[in-house]
PDB file of N, CA and C in Angstrom:
ATOM      1  N   MET A   1     -98.923   6.433 123.968  1.00  0.00           N
ATOM      2  CA  MET A   1     -98.983   7.339 122.830  1.00  0.00           C
ATOM      3  C   MET A   1     -98.321   8.640 123.268  1.00  0.00           C
ATOM      4  N   THR A   2     -97.170   8.899 122.750  1.00  0.00           N
ATOM      5  CA  THR A   2     -96.457  10.106 123.151  1.00  0.00           C
ATOM      6  C   THR A   2     -97.117  11.346 122.566  1.00  0.00           C
ATOM      7  N   GLY A   3     -97.035  12.414 123.309  1.00  0.00           N
ATOM      8  CA  GLY A   3     -97.581  13.677 122.859  1.00  0.00           C
ATOM      9  C   GLY A   3     -99.021  13.931 123.246  1.00  0.00           C
ATOM     10  N   VAL A   4     -99.693  12.951 123.813  1.00  0.00           N
ATOM     11  CA  VAL A   4    -101.085  13.129 124.221  1.00  0.00           C
ATOM     12  C   VAL A   4    -101.120  13.427 125.711  1.00  0.00           C
ATOM     13  N   ARG A   5    -101.709  14.563 126.052  1.00  0.00           N
ATOM     14  CA  ARG A   5    -101.866  14.956 127.454  1.00  0.00           C
ATOM     15  C   ARG A   5    -103.286  14.639 127.886  1.00  0.00           C
ATOM     16  N   ILE A   6    -103.411  13.998 129.045  1.00  0.00           N
ATOM     17  CA  ILE A   6    -104.721  13.616 129.571  1.00  0.00           C
ATOM     18  C   ILE A   6    -104.844  14.102 131.008  1.00  0.00           C
ATOM     19  N   LEU A   7    -105.947  14.791 131.287  1.00  0.00           N
ATOM     20  CA  LEU A   7    -106.289  15.172 132.654  1.00  0.00           C
ATOM     21  C   LEU A   7    -107.367  14.219 133.137  1.00  0.00           C
ATOM     22  N   LEU A   8    -107.109  13.547 134.249  1.00  0.00           N
ATOM     23  CA  LEU A   8    -108.071  12.614 134.827  1.00  0.00           C
ATOM     24  C   LEU A   8    -108.950  13.347 135.828  1.00  0.00           C
ATOM     25  N   ASP A   9    -110.254  13.230 135.640  1.00  0.00           N
ATOM     26  CA  ASP A   9    -111.205  13.827 136.579  1.00  0.00           C
ATOM     27  C   ASP A   9    -111.018  13.181 137.949  1.00  0.00           C
ATOM     28  N   GLU A  10    -111.529  13.813 138.979  1.00  0.00           N
ATOM     29  CA  GLU A  10    -111.216  13.409 140.355  1.00  0.00           C
ATOM     30  C   GLU A  10    -111.682  12.009 140.736  1.00  0.00           C
ATOM     31  N   HIS A  11    -112.548  11.398 139.958  1.00  0.00           N
ATOM     32  CA  HIS A  11    -113.035  10.060 140.306  1.00  0.00           C
ATOM     33  C   HIS A  11    -112.212   8.942 139.677  1.00  0.00           C
ATOM     34  N   VAL A  12    -111.221   9.278 138.866  1.00  0.00           N
ATOM     35  CA  VAL A  12    -110.403   8.276 138.193  1.00  0.00           C
ATOM     36  C   VAL A  12    -109.215   7.949 139.092  1.00  0.00           C
ATOM     37  N   GLY A  13    -108.989   6.665 139.334  1.00  0.00           N
ATOM     38  CA  GLY A  13    -108.008   6.235 140.324  1.00  0.00           C
ATOM     39  C   GLY A  13    -106.565   6.208 139.859  1.00  0.00           C
ATOM     40  N   ARG A  14    -105.689   5.989 140.822  1.00  0.00           N
ATOM     41  CA  ARG A  14    -104.238   5.995 140.603  1.00  0.00           C
ATOM     42  C   ARG A  14    -103.751   4.807 139.777  1.00  0.00           C
ATOM     43  N   VAL A  15    -104.396   3.661 139.914  1.00  0.00           N
ATOM     44  CA  VAL A  15    -103.976   2.486 139.137  1.00  0.00           C
ATOM     45  C   VAL A  15    -104.120   2.781 137.649  1.00  0.00           C
ATOM     46  N   PHE A  16    -105.262   3.349 137.288  1.00  0.00           N
ATOM     47  CA  PHE A  16    -105.494   3.675 135.885  1.00  0.00           C
ATOM     48  C   PHE A  16    -104.546   4.780 135.419  1.00  0.00           C
ATOM     49  N   GLU A  17    -104.268   5.730 136.281  1.00  0.00           N
ATOM     50  CA  GLU A  17    -103.299   6.789 135.963  1.00  0.00           C
ATOM     51  C   GLU A  17    -101.940   6.182 135.624  1.00  0.00           C
ATOM     52  N   ARG A  18    -101.473   5.277 136.466  1.00  0.00           N
ATOM     53  CA  ARG A  18    -100.168   4.640 136.254  1.00  0.00           C
ATOM     54  C   ARG A  18    -100.149   3.857 134.949  1.00  0.00           C
ATOM     55  N   LEU A  19    -101.229   3.153 134.675  1.00  0.00           N
ATOM     56  CA  LEU A  19    -101.322   2.348 133.462  1.00  0.00           C
ATOM     57  C   LEU A  19    -101.233   3.231 132.209  1.00  0.00           C
ATOM     58  N   LEU A  20    -101.927   4.348 132.213  1.00  0.00           N
ATOM     59  CA  LEU A  20    -101.849   5.262 131.066  1.00  0.00           C
ATOM     60  C   LEU A  20    -100.446   5.848 130.931  1.00  0.00           C
ATOM     61  N   ARG A  21     -99.842   6.195 132.040  1.00  0.00           N
ATOM     62  CA  ARG A  21     -98.486   6.752 132.013  1.00  0.00           C
ATOM     63  C   ARG A  21     -97.503   5.725 131.440  1.00  0.00           C
ATOM     64  N   GLU A  22     -97.649   4.464 131.830  1.00  0.00           N
ATOM     65  CA  GLU A  22     -96.787   3.401 131.306  1.00  0.00           C
ATOM     66  C   GLU A  22     -96.954   3.231 129.796  1.00  0.00           C
ATOM     67  N   ARG A  23     -98.110   3.611 129.274  1.00  0.00           N
ATOM     68  CA  ARG A  23     -98.374   3.504 127.838  1.00  0.00           C
ATOM     69  C   ARG A  23     -97.880   4.734 127.075  1.00  0.00           C
ATOM     70  N   GLY A  24     -97.292   5.689 127.766  1.00  0.00           N
ATOM     71  CA  GLY A  24     -96.687   6.834 127.107  1.00  0.00           C
ATOM     72  C   GLY A  24     -97.494   8.115 127.116  1.00  0.00           C
ATOM     73  N   TYR A  25     -98.638   8.107 127.783  1.00  0.00           N
ATOM     74  CA  TYR A  25     -99.444   9.325 127.868  1.00  0.00           C
ATOM     75  C   TYR A  25     -98.887  10.242 128.953  1.00  0.00           C
ATOM     76  N   GLU A  26     -99.037  11.547 128.749  1.00  0.00           N
ATOM     77  CA  GLU A  26     -98.722  12.525 129.789  1.00  0.00           C
ATOM     78  C   GLU A  26     -99.995  12.690 130.605  1.00  0.00           C
ATOM     79  N   VAL A  27     -99.998  12.151 131.810  1.00  0.00           N
ATOM     80  CA  VAL A  27    -101.222  12.069 132.606  1.00  0.00           C
ATOM     81  C   VAL A  27    -101.083  12.898 133.873  1.00  0.00           C
ATOM     82  N   GLU A  28    -102.172  13.567 134.208  1.00  0.00           N
ATOM     83  CA  GLU A  28    -102.214  14.350 135.439  1.00  0.00           C
ATOM     84  C   GLU A  28    -103.596  14.188 136.065  1.00  0.00           C
ATOM     85  N   GLN A  29    -103.631  14.145 137.376  1.00  0.00           N
ATOM     86  CA  GLN A  29    -104.893  14.079 138.111  1.00  0.00           C
ATOM     87  C   GLN A  29    -105.400  15.497 138.368  1.00  0.00           C
ATOM     88  N   ALA A  30    -106.685  15.723 138.137  1.00  0.00           N
ATOM     89  CA  ALA A  30    -107.277  17.037 138.414  1.00  0.00           C
ATOM     90  C   ALA A  30    -107.100  17.418 139.879  1.00  0.00           C
ATOM     91  N   LYS A  31    -107.252  16.446 140.773  1.00  0.00           N
ATOM     92  CA  LYS A  31    -107.142  16.761 142.201  1.00  0.00           C
ATOM     93  C   LYS A  31    -105.717  17.148 142.590  1.00  0.00           C
ATOM     94  N   ASP A  32    -104.705  16.651 141.855  1.00  0.00           N
ATOM     95  CA  ASP A  32    -103.324  17.052 142.127  1.00  0.00           C
ATOM     96  C   ASP A  32    -103.058  18.469 141.632  1.00  0.00           C
ATOM     97  N   ARG A  33    -103.595  18.799 140.490  1.00  0.00           N
ATOM     98  CA  ARG A  33    -103.349  20.118 139.903  1.00  0.00           C
ATOM     99  C   ARG A  33    -104.171  21.208 140.574  1.00  0.00           C
ATOM    100  N   PHE A  34    -105.430  20.911 140.876  1.00  0.00           N
ATOM    101  CA  PHE A  34    -106.357  21.953 141.330  1.00  0.00           C
ATOM    102  C   PHE A  34    -106.861  21.779 142.759  1.00  0.00           C
ATOM    103  N   GLY A  35    -106.583  20.652 143.391  1.00  0.00           N
ATOM    104  CA  GLY A  35    -107.177  20.365 144.688  1.00  0.00           C
ATOM    105  C   GLY A  35    -108.548  19.738 144.500  1.00  0.00           C
ATOM    106  N   GLU A  36    -109.234  19.558 145.588  1.00  0.00           N
ATOM    107  CA  GLU A  36    -110.560  18.927 145.541  1.00  0.00           C
ATOM    108  C   GLU A  36    -111.622  19.916 145.077  1.00  0.00           C
ATOM    109  N   HIS A  37    -112.610  19.390 144.403  1.00  0.00           N
ATOM    110  CA  HIS A  37    -113.852  20.106 144.087  1.00  0.00           C
ATOM    111  C   HIS A  37    -113.676  21.323 143.179  1.00  0.00           C
ATOM    112  N   THR A  38    -112.844  21.210 142.165  1.00  0.00           N
ATOM    113  CA  THR A  38    -112.768  22.261 141.154  1.00  0.00           C
ATOM    114  C   THR A  38    -114.021  22.173 140.293  1.00  0.00           C
ATOM    115  N   SER A  39    -114.528  23.290 139.850  1.00  0.00           N
ATOM    116  CA  SER A  39    -115.756  23.262 139.050  1.00  0.00           C
ATOM    117  C   SER A  39    -115.479  22.631 137.684  1.00  0.00           C
ATOM    118  N   ASP A  40    -116.492  21.974 137.157  1.00  0.00           N
ATOM    119  CA  ASP A  40    -116.361  21.310 135.862  1.00  0.00           C
ATOM    120  C   ASP A  40    -116.052  22.293 134.734  1.00  0.00           C
ATOM    121  N   PRO A  41    -116.709  23.462 134.681  1.00  0.00           N
ATOM    122  CA  PRO A  41    -116.341  24.423 133.631  1.00  0.00           C
ATOM    123  C   PRO A  41    -114.871  24.856 133.708  1.00  0.00           C
ATOM    124  N   GLU A  42    -114.348  25.021 134.929  1.00  0.00           N
ATOM    125  CA  GLU A  42    -112.933  25.382 135.086  1.00  0.00           C
ATOM    126  C   GLU A  42    -112.025  24.283 134.549  1.00  0.00           C
ATOM    127  N   LEU A  43    -112.347  23.032 134.874  1.00  0.00           N
ATOM    128  CA  LEU A  43    -111.542  21.911 134.385  1.00  0.00           C
ATOM    129  C   LEU A  43    -111.522  21.876 132.863  1.00  0.00           C
ATOM    130  N   LEU A  44    -112.696  21.969 132.264  1.00  0.00           N
ATOM    131  CA  LEU A  44    -112.782  21.860 130.815  1.00  0.00           C
ATOM    132  C   LEU A  44    -112.102  23.045 130.125  1.00  0.00           C
ATOM    133  N   SER A  45    -112.241  24.227 130.677  1.00  0.00           N
ATOM    134  CA  SER A  45    -111.552  25.402 130.119  1.00  0.00           C
ATOM    135  C   SER A  45    -110.043  25.232 130.198  1.00  0.00           C
ATOM    136  N   TRP A  46    -109.558  24.750 131.345  1.00  0.00           N
ATOM    137  CA  TRP A  46    -108.122  24.517 131.492  1.00  0.00           C
ATOM    138  C   TRP A  46    -107.641  23.499 130.471  1.00  0.00           C
ATOM    139  N   CYS A  47    -108.429  22.455 130.247  1.00  0.00           N
ATOM    140  CA  CYS A  47    -108.062  21.435 129.256  1.00  0.00           C
ATOM    141  C   CYS A  47    -107.933  22.053 127.868  1.00  0.00           C
ATOM    142  N   GLY A  48    -108.847  22.941 127.527  1.00  0.00           N
ATOM    143  CA  GLY A  48    -108.747  23.613 126.235  1.00  0.00           C
ATOM    144  C   GLY A  48    -107.510  24.483 126.137  1.00  0.00           C
ATOM    145  N   ASP A  49    -107.228  25.220 127.191  1.00  0.00           N
ATOM    146  CA  ASP A  49    -106.064  26.116 127.207  1.00  0.00           C
ATOM    147  C   ASP A  49    -104.746  25.354 127.191  1.00  0.00           C
ATOM    148  N   SER A  50    -104.711  24.182 127.822  1.00  0.00           N
ATOM    149  CA  SER A  50    -103.460  23.427 127.952  1.00  0.00           C
ATOM    150  C   SER A  50    -103.362  22.268 126.964  1.00  0.00           C
ATOM    151  N   ASP A  51    -104.340  22.146 126.072  1.00  0.00           N
ATOM    152  CA  ASP A  51    -104.369  21.074 125.071  1.00  0.00           C
ATOM    153  C   ASP A  51    -104.325  19.695 125.737  1.00  0.00           C
ATOM    154  N   SER A  52    -105.110  19.546 126.804  1.00  0.00           N
ATOM    155  CA  SER A  52    -105.219  18.271 127.516  1.00  0.00           C
ATOM    156  C   SER A  52    -106.612  17.690 127.304  1.00  0.00           C
ATOM    157  N   VAL A  53    -106.659  16.412 127.005  1.00  0.00           N
ATOM    158  CA  VAL A  53    -107.927  15.703 126.865  1.00  0.00           C
ATOM    159  C   VAL A  53    -108.412  15.348 128.267  1.00  0.00           C
ATOM    160  N   LEU A  54    -109.692  15.531 128.528  1.00  0.00           N
ATOM    161  CA  LEU A  54    -110.270  15.195 129.831  1.00  0.00           C
ATOM    162  C   LEU A  54    -110.834  13.783 129.787  1.00  0.00           C
ATOM    163  N   LEU A  55    -110.473  12.956 130.758  1.00  0.00           N
ATOM    164  CA  LEU A  55    -111.037  11.617 130.896  1.00  0.00           C
ATOM    165  C   LEU A  55    -111.894  11.605 132.156  1.00  0.00           C
ATOM    166  N   THR A  56    -113.177  11.275 132.008  1.00  0.00           N
ATOM    167  CA  THR A  56    -114.122  11.401 133.117  1.00  0.00           C
ATOM    168  C   THR A  56    -115.250  10.390 133.005  1.00  0.00           C
ATOM    169  N   ASN A  57    -115.936  10.162 134.110  1.00  0.00           N
ATOM    170  CA  ASN A  57    -117.186   9.389 134.085  1.00  0.00           C
ATOM    171  C   ASN A  57    -118.368  10.281 134.468  1.00  0.00           C
ATOM    172  N   ASN A  58    -118.154  11.564 134.510  1.00  0.00           N
ATOM    173  CA  ASN A  58    -119.186  12.517 134.912  1.00  0.00           C
ATOM    174  C   ASN A  58    -120.003  12.943 133.686  1.00  0.00           C
ATOM    175  N   ALA A  59    -120.813  12.022 133.192  1.00  0.00           N
ATOM    176  CA  ALA A  59    -121.587  12.277 131.973  1.00  0.00           C
ATOM    177  C   ALA A  59    -122.574  13.416 132.161  1.00  0.00           C
ATOM    178  N   LYS A  60    -123.225  13.424 133.290  1.00  0.00           N
ATOM    179  CA  LYS A  60    -124.288  14.405 133.535  1.00  0.00           C
ATOM    180  C   LYS A  60    -123.805  15.833 133.285  1.00  0.00           C
ATOM    181  N   ASP A  61    -122.650  16.171 133.793  1.00  0.00           N
ATOM    182  CA  ASP A  61    -122.156  17.541 133.670  1.00  0.00           C
ATOM    183  C   ASP A  61    -121.411  17.794 132.360  1.00  0.00           C
ATOM    184  N   PHE A  62    -120.549  16.857 131.957  1.00  0.00           N
ATOM    185  CA  PHE A  62    -119.696  17.134 130.805  1.00  0.00           C
ATOM    186  C   PHE A  62    -120.402  16.971 129.468  1.00  0.00           C
ATOM    187  N   GLU A  63    -121.463  16.184 129.402  1.00  0.00           N
ATOM    188  CA  GLU A  63    -122.248  16.151 128.167  1.00  0.00           C
ATOM    189  C   GLU A  63    -122.851  17.527 127.903  1.00  0.00           C
ATOM    190  N   ALA A  64    -123.302  18.190 128.944  1.00  0.00           N
ATOM    191  CA  ALA A  64    -123.884  19.530 128.792  1.00  0.00           C
ATOM    192  C   ALA A  64    -122.816  20.570 128.457  1.00  0.00           C
ATOM    193  N   LEU A  65    -121.648  20.476 129.084  1.00  0.00           N
ATOM    194  CA  LEU A  65    -120.588  21.463 128.865  1.00  0.00           C
ATOM    195  C   LEU A  65    -119.883  21.290 127.525  1.00  0.00           C
ATOM    196  N   HIS A  66    -119.956  20.105 126.972  1.00  0.00           N
ATOM    197  CA  HIS A  66    -119.261  19.774 125.725  1.00  0.00           C
ATOM    198  C   HIS A  66    -119.504  20.818 124.631  1.00  0.00           C
ATOM    199  N   GLY A  67    -120.720  21.245 124.451  1.00  0.00           N
ATOM    200  CA  GLY A  67    -121.035  22.208 123.405  1.00  0.00           C
ATOM    201  C   GLY A  67    -120.850  23.663 123.789  1.00  0.00           C
ATOM    202  N   GLU A  68    -120.551  23.916 125.053  1.00  0.00           N
ATOM    203  CA  GLU A  68    -120.472  25.297 125.540  1.00  0.00           C
ATOM    204  C   GLU A  68    -119.051  25.834 125.687  1.00  0.00           C
ATOM    205  N   ILE A  69    -118.076  24.942 125.850  1.00  0.00           N
ATOM    206  CA  ILE A  69    -116.700  25.356 126.142  1.00  0.00           C
ATOM    207  C   ILE A  69    -115.767  24.695 125.137  1.00  0.00           C
ATOM    208  N   ASP A  70    -114.862  25.482 124.540  1.00  0.00           N
ATOM    209  CA  ASP A  70    -113.853  24.905 123.656  1.00  0.00           C
ATOM    210  C   ASP A  70    -112.943  23.999 124.481  1.00  0.00           C
ATOM    211  N   HIS A  71    -112.674  22.813 123.960  1.00  0.00           N
ATOM    212  CA  HIS A  71    -111.852  21.859 124.711  1.00  0.00           C
ATOM    213  C   HIS A  71    -111.054  20.977 123.760  1.00  0.00           C
ATOM    214  N   ALA A  72    -110.093  20.251 124.321  1.00  0.00           N
ATOM    215  CA  ALA A  72    -109.210  19.383 123.538  1.00  0.00           C
ATOM    216  C   ALA A  72    -109.764  17.975 123.388  1.00  0.00           C
ATOM    217  N   GLY A  73    -110.954  17.740 123.893  1.00  0.00           N
ATOM    218  CA  GLY A  73    -111.586  16.426 123.799  1.00  0.00           C
ATOM    219  C   GLY A  73    -111.989  15.918 125.171  1.00  0.00           C
ATOM    220  N   ILE A  74    -113.072  15.151 125.173  1.00  0.00           N
ATOM    221  CA  ILE A  74    -113.557  14.520 126.402  1.00  0.00           C
ATOM    222  C   ILE A  74    -113.693  13.033 126.128  1.00  0.00           C
ATOM    223  N   LEU A  75    -112.997  12.221 126.914  1.00  0.00           N
ATOM    224  CA  LEU A  75    -113.154  10.772 126.879  1.00  0.00           C
ATOM    225  C   LEU A  75    -114.044  10.413 128.056  1.00  0.00           C
ATOM    226  N   LEU A  76    -115.215   9.884 127.754  1.00  0.00           N
ATOM    227  CA  LEU A  76    -116.247   9.666 128.762  1.00  0.00           C
ATOM    228  C   LEU A  76    -116.559   8.182 128.868  1.00  0.00           C
ATOM    229  N   TYR A  77    -116.659   7.682 130.090  1.00  0.00           N
ATOM    230  CA  TYR A  77    -117.147   6.316 130.294  1.00  0.00           C
ATOM    231  C   TYR A  77    -118.269   6.379 131.318  1.00  0.00           C
ATOM    232  N   TYR A  78    -119.271   5.525 131.125  1.00  0.00           N
ATOM    233  CA  TYR A  78    -120.468   5.558 131.972  1.00  0.00           C
ATOM    234  C   TYR A  78    -120.407   4.544 133.114  1.00  0.00           C
ATOM    235  N   ASP A  79    -119.694   3.441 132.908  1.00  0.00           N
ATOM    236  CA  ASP A  79    -119.585   2.397 133.927  1.00  0.00           C
ATOM    237  C   ASP A  79    -118.491   2.797 134.912  1.00  0.00           C
ATOM    238  N   GLN A  80    -118.890   3.290 136.080  1.00  0.00           N
ATOM    239  CA  GLN A  80    -117.925   3.817 137.044  1.00  0.00           C
ATOM    240  C   GLN A  80    -116.953   2.769 137.573  1.00  0.00           C
ATOM    241  N   SER A  81    -117.308   1.501 137.466  1.00  0.00           N
ATOM    242  CA  SER A  81    -116.425   0.451 137.972  1.00  0.00           C
ATOM    243  C   SER A  81    -115.343   0.060 136.965  1.00  0.00           C
ATOM    244  N   LEU A  82    -115.457   0.498 135.731  1.00  0.00           N
ATOM    245  CA  LEU A  82    -114.573   0.028 134.664  1.00  0.00           C
ATOM    246  C   LEU A  82    -113.084   0.237 134.923  1.00  0.00           C
ATOM    247  N   PRO A  83    -112.624   1.409 135.379  1.00  0.00           N
ATOM    248  CA  PRO A  83    -111.184   1.561 135.602  1.00  0.00           C
ATOM    249  C   PRO A  83    -110.626   0.616 136.665  1.00  0.00           C
ATOM    250  N   ASP A  84    -111.451   0.202 137.615  1.00  0.00           N
ATOM    251  CA  ASP A  84    -111.004  -0.738 138.644  1.00  0.00           C
ATOM    252  C   ASP A  84    -111.226  -2.184 138.215  1.00  0.00           C
ATOM    253  N   ALA A  85    -112.344  -2.460 137.538  1.00  0.00           N
ATOM    254  CA  ALA A  85    -112.678  -3.829 137.143  1.00  0.00           C
ATOM    255  C   ALA A  85    -111.807  -4.320 135.987  1.00  0.00           C
ATOM    256  N   ASP A  86    -111.535  -3.468 135.016  1.00  0.00           N
ATOM    257  CA  ASP A  86    -110.727  -3.853 133.857  1.00  0.00           C
ATOM    258  C   ASP A  86    -109.901  -2.657 133.374  1.00  0.00           C
ATOM    259  N   PRO A  87    -108.929  -2.242 134.174  1.00  0.00           N
ATOM    260  CA  PRO A  87    -108.139  -1.077 133.775  1.00  0.00           C
ATOM    261  C   PRO A  87    -107.391  -1.293 132.463  1.00  0.00           C
ATOM    262  N   GLU A  88    -106.903  -2.498 132.249  1.00  0.00           N
ATOM    263  CA  GLU A  88    -106.182  -2.799 131.005  1.00  0.00           C
ATOM    264  C   GLU A  88    -107.106  -2.669 129.800  1.00  0.00           C
ATOM    265  N   GLY A  89    -108.328  -3.167 129.928  1.00  0.00           N
ATOM    266  CA  GLY A  89    -109.292  -3.066 128.835  1.00  0.00           C
ATOM    267  C   GLY A  89    -109.660  -1.624 128.526  1.00  0.00           C
ATOM    268  N   LEU A  90    -109.844  -0.822 129.563  1.00  0.00           N
ATOM    269  CA  LEU A  90    -110.172   0.587 129.351  1.00  0.00           C
ATOM    270  C   LEU A  90    -108.983   1.328 128.741  1.00  0.00           C
ATOM    271  N   ALA A  91    -107.772   0.985 129.173  1.00  0.00           N
ATOM    272  CA  ALA A  91    -106.572   1.603 128.596  1.00  0.00           C
ATOM    273  C   ALA A  91    -106.434   1.238 127.118  1.00  0.00           C
ATOM    274  N   ARG A  92    -106.772   0.004 126.760  1.00  0.00           N
ATOM    275  CA  ARG A  92    -106.755  -0.383 125.341  1.00  0.00           C
ATOM    276  C   ARG A  92    -107.761   0.441 124.546  1.00  0.00           C
ATOM    277  N   ALA A  93    -108.909   0.737 125.152  1.00  0.00           N
ATOM    278  CA  ALA A  93    -109.907   1.576 124.476  1.00  0.00           C
ATOM    279  C   ALA A  93    -109.347   2.979 124.237  1.00  0.00           C
ATOM    280  N   VAL A  94    -108.650   3.536 125.220  1.00  0.00           N
ATOM    281  CA  VAL A  94    -108.012   4.848 125.047  1.00  0.00           C
ATOM    282  C   VAL A  94    -106.991   4.779 123.911  1.00  0.00           C
ATOM    283  N   ASP A  95    -106.161   3.727 123.914  1.00  0.00           N
ATOM    284  CA  ASP A  95    -105.179   3.548 122.837  1.00  0.00           C
ATOM    285  C   ASP A  95    -105.854   3.526 121.474  1.00  0.00           C
ATOM    286  N   GLU A  96    -106.929   2.773 121.374  1.00  0.00           N
ATOM    287  CA  GLU A  96    -107.621   2.615 120.092  1.00  0.00           C
ATOM    288  C   GLU A  96    -108.217   3.937 119.614  1.00  0.00           C
ATOM    289  N   VAL A  97    -108.761   4.722 120.530  1.00  0.00           N
ATOM    290  CA  VAL A  97    -109.295   6.042 120.158  1.00  0.00           C
ATOM    291  C   VAL A  97    -108.201   6.887 119.516  1.00  0.00           C
ATOM    292  N   PHE A  98    -107.030   6.939 120.138  1.00  0.00           N
ATOM    293  CA  PHE A  98    -105.962   7.777 119.600  1.00  0.00           C
ATOM    294  C   PHE A  98    -105.309   7.157 118.368  1.00  0.00           C
ATOM    295  N   THR A  99    -105.354   5.844 118.240  1.00  0.00           N
ATOM    296  CA  THR A  99    -104.886   5.204 117.012  1.00  0.00           C
ATOM    297  C   THR A  99    -105.789   5.592 115.845  1.00  0.00           C
ATOM    298  N   GLN A 100    -107.087   5.583 116.081  1.00  0.00           N
ATOM    299  CA  GLN A 100    -108.046   5.904 115.020  1.00  0.00           C
ATOM    300  C   GLN A 100    -108.104   7.400 114.706  1.00  0.00           C
ATOM    301  N   TYR A 101    -108.135   8.242 115.721  1.00  0.00           N
ATOM    302  CA  TYR A 101    -108.305   9.683 115.531  1.00  0.00           C
ATOM    303  C   TYR A 101    -106.993  10.449 115.415  1.00  0.00           C
ATOM    304  N   GLY A 102    -105.906   9.883 115.924  1.00  0.00           N
ATOM    305  CA  GLY A 102    -104.647  10.612 115.997  1.00  0.00           C
ATOM    306  C   GLY A 102    -104.602  11.462 117.262  1.00  0.00           C
ATOM    307  N   PRO A 103    -103.434  11.996 117.595  1.00  0.00           N
ATOM    308  CA  PRO A 103    -103.281  12.752 118.839  1.00  0.00           C
ATOM    309  C   PRO A 103    -104.172  13.985 118.937  1.00  0.00           C
ATOM    310  N   ASP A 104    -104.475  14.622 117.813  1.00  0.00           N
ATOM    311  CA  ASP A 104    -105.281  15.843 117.844  1.00  0.00           C
ATOM    312  C   ASP A 104    -106.709  15.624 117.364  1.00  0.00           C
ATOM    313  N   GLY A 105    -107.034  14.413 116.974  1.00  0.00           N
ATOM    314  CA  GLY A 105    -108.322  14.140 116.345  1.00  0.00           C
ATOM    315  C   GLY A 105    -109.525  14.160 117.257  1.00  0.00           C
ATOM    316  N   VAL A 106    -109.325  14.169 118.564  1.00  0.00           N
ATOM    317  CA  VAL A 106    -110.472  14.212 119.477  1.00  0.00           C
ATOM    318  C   VAL A 106    -110.802  15.636 119.918  1.00  0.00           C
ATOM    319  N   SER A 107    -110.036  16.599 119.449  1.00  0.00           N
ATOM    320  CA  SER A 107    -110.266  17.986 119.853  1.00  0.00           C
ATOM    321  C   SER A 107    -111.701  18.404 119.556  1.00  0.00           C
ATOM    322  N   GLY A 108    -112.377  18.899 120.597  1.00  0.00           N
ATOM    323  CA  GLY A 108    -113.763  19.333 120.468  1.00  0.00           C
ATOM    324  C   GLY A 108    -114.785  18.213 120.443  1.00  0.00           C
ATOM    325  N   ARG A 109    -114.346  16.974 120.559  1.00  0.00           N
ATOM    326  CA  ARG A 109    -115.251  15.820 120.497  1.00  0.00           C
ATOM    327  C   ARG A 109    -115.554  15.269 121.885  1.00  0.00           C
ATOM    328  N   LEU A 110    -116.707  14.644 121.971  1.00  0.00           N
ATOM    329  CA  LEU A 110    -117.089  13.857 123.143  1.00  0.00           C
ATOM    330  C   LEU A 110    -117.052  12.403 122.695  1.00  0.00           C
ATOM    331  N   VAL A 111    -116.130  11.628 123.242  1.00  0.00           N
ATOM    332  CA  VAL A 111    -115.914  10.249 122.819  1.00  0.00           C
ATOM    333  C   VAL A 111    -116.383   9.310 123.924  1.00  0.00           C
ATOM    334  N   ASP A 112    -117.253   8.379 123.571  1.00  0.00           N
ATOM    335  CA  ASP A 112    -117.768   7.390 124.520  1.00  0.00           C
ATOM    336  C   ASP A 112    -116.795   6.214 124.583  1.00  0.00           C
ATOM    337  N   LEU A 113    -115.957   6.182 125.620  1.00  0.00           N
ATOM    338  CA  LEU A 113    -114.987   5.095 125.776  1.00  0.00           C
ATOM    339  C   LEU A 113    -115.666   3.749 125.961  1.00  0.00           C
ATOM    340  N   GLY A 114    -116.854   3.748 126.555  1.00  0.00           N
ATOM    341  CA  GLY A 114    -117.580   2.495 126.740  1.00  0.00           C
ATOM    342  C   GLY A 114    -117.888   1.816 125.425  1.00  0.00           C
ATOM    343  N   GLU A 115    -118.245   2.594 124.414  1.00  0.00           N
ATOM    344  CA  GLU A 115    -118.499   2.020 123.090  1.00  0.00           C
ATOM    345  C   GLU A 115    -117.226   1.413 122.504  1.00  0.00           C
ATOM    346  N   TRP A 116    -116.110   2.101 122.651  1.00  0.00           N
ATOM    347  CA  TRP A 116    -114.830   1.575 122.165  1.00  0.00           C
ATOM    348  C   TRP A 116    -114.441   0.317 122.939  1.00  0.00           C
ATOM    349  N   TYR A 117    -114.653   0.332 124.232  1.00  0.00           N
ATOM    350  CA  TYR A 117    -114.363  -0.828 125.075  1.00  0.00           C
ATOM    351  C   TYR A 117    -115.177  -2.034 124.605  1.00  0.00           C
ATOM    352  N   GLU A 118    -116.469  -1.844 124.411  1.00  0.00           N
ATOM    353  CA  GLU A 118    -117.342  -2.937 123.958  1.00  0.00           C
ATOM    354  C   GLU A 118    -116.934  -3.422 122.575  1.00  0.00           C
ATOM    355  N   TRP A 119    -116.606  -2.506 121.683  1.00  0.00           N
ATOM    356  CA  TRP A 119    -116.192  -2.880 120.332  1.00  0.00           C
ATOM    357  C   TRP A 119    -114.926  -3.733 120.374  1.00  0.00           C
ATOM    358  N   LEU A 120    -113.949  -3.335 121.172  1.00  0.00           N
ATOM    359  CA  LEU A 120    -112.716  -4.117 121.279  1.00  0.00           C
ATOM    360  C   LEU A 120    -112.988  -5.505 121.840  1.00  0.00           C
ATOM    361  N   HIS A 121    -113.888  -5.598 122.821  1.00  0.00           N
ATOM    362  CA  HIS A 121    -114.195  -6.899 123.409  1.00  0.00           C
ATOM    363  C   HIS A 121    -115.010  -7.776 122.467  1.00  0.00           C
ATOM    364  N   SER A 122    -115.776  -7.190 121.586  1.00  0.00           N
ATOM    365  CA  SER A 122    -116.565  -7.979 120.633  1.00  0.00           C
ATOM    366  C   SER A 122    -115.686  -8.575 119.544  1.00  0.00           C
ATOM    367  N   ARG A 123    -114.505  -8.031 119.351  1.00  0.00           N
ATOM    368  CA  ARG A 123    -113.581  -8.533 118.328  1.00  0.00           C
ATOM    369  C   ARG A 123    -112.808  -9.746 118.814  1.00  0.00           C
ATOM    370  N   ASN A 124    -112.804  -9.992 120.106  1.00  0.00           N
ATOM    371  CA  ASN A 124    -112.017 -11.114 120.664  1.00  0.00           C
ATOM    372  C   ASN A 124    -112.829 -12.372 120.748  1.00  0.00           C
TER     373      ASN A 124
END
């Protein structure tokens, strides 16, 4: 999906990064841009300023920050093994979110990618 910028939180791997890039997303790793251990509020603020959607599995912190900081959207998954176990399936869930909401439709939203992943798998 061209025009969508995604910042991957530090726990999201390179295989998934490459897969999203191949699908046309502008993808960047938080650890490449900021180094290790950047604070979550800093990441989310930067995402808002740069119009980048944050993709993370850090539910504990980002669910709380979601209502406190203006942001371009948070794509959250709870199953930490998902990007490694089924990267293609998770990438399809990302595609479906942007197909349904449009490139700007997730702004300010917290989107549960796991629900989209399960929904896509239930249709097959």
